Amino acid sequence: MRFFRLTFKCFVDCFLNPPSSPIVCLRRIVNIS
């Protein structure tokens, strides 16, 4: 459950404040897991 919340938060952060590309967000999620 906690992992899901972290992933969801990362996606929301990406949507609200997108970095250079979505790939950056995906890599961040991979690093968290």
Protein backbone atom coordinates (compact mmCIF):
# COMPACT_ATOMS: atom_id res chain seq x y z
CA MET A 1 0.00 0.00 0.00
CA ARG A 2 2.78 2.39 0.90
CA PHE A 3 4.57 1.66 -2.37
CA PHE A 4 1.37 2.39 -4.29
CA ARG A 5 1.01 5.73 -2.52
CA LEU A 6 4.61 6.68 -3.31
CA THR A 7 4.14 5.74 -6.95
CA PHE A 8 0.88 7.65 -7.16
CA LYS A 9 2.49 10.68 -5.53
CA CYS A 10 5.32 10.53 -8.05
CA PHE A 11 2.85 10.46 -10.94
CA VAL A 12 0.93 13.38 -9.49
CA ASP A 13 4.14 15.34 -9.01
CA CYS A 14 5.02 14.61 -12.62
CA PHE A 15 1.63 15.75 -13.84
CA LEU A 16 1.68 18.96 -11.85
CA ASN A 17 5.36 19.72 -12.33
CA PRO A 18 6.64 17.72 -15.32
CA PRO A 19 10.41 17.28 -15.56
CA SER A 20 12.31 17.02 -18.82
CA SER A 21 10.27 13.96 -19.82
CA PRO A 22 7.99 11.22 -18.41
CA ILE A 23 10.95 8.84 -18.57
CA VAL A 24 12.54 10.80 -15.74
CA CYS A 25 9.49 10.14 -13.61
CA LEU A 26 9.49 6.45 -14.47
CA ARG A 27 13.14 6.19 -13.49
CA ARG A 28 12.33 7.89 -10.20
CA ILE A 29 9.62 5.30 -9.53
CA VAL A 30 12.04 2.49 -10.38
CA ASN A 31 14.56 3.95 -7.95
CA ILE A 32 11.93 4.03 -5.20
CA SER A 33 11.03 0.37 -5.74
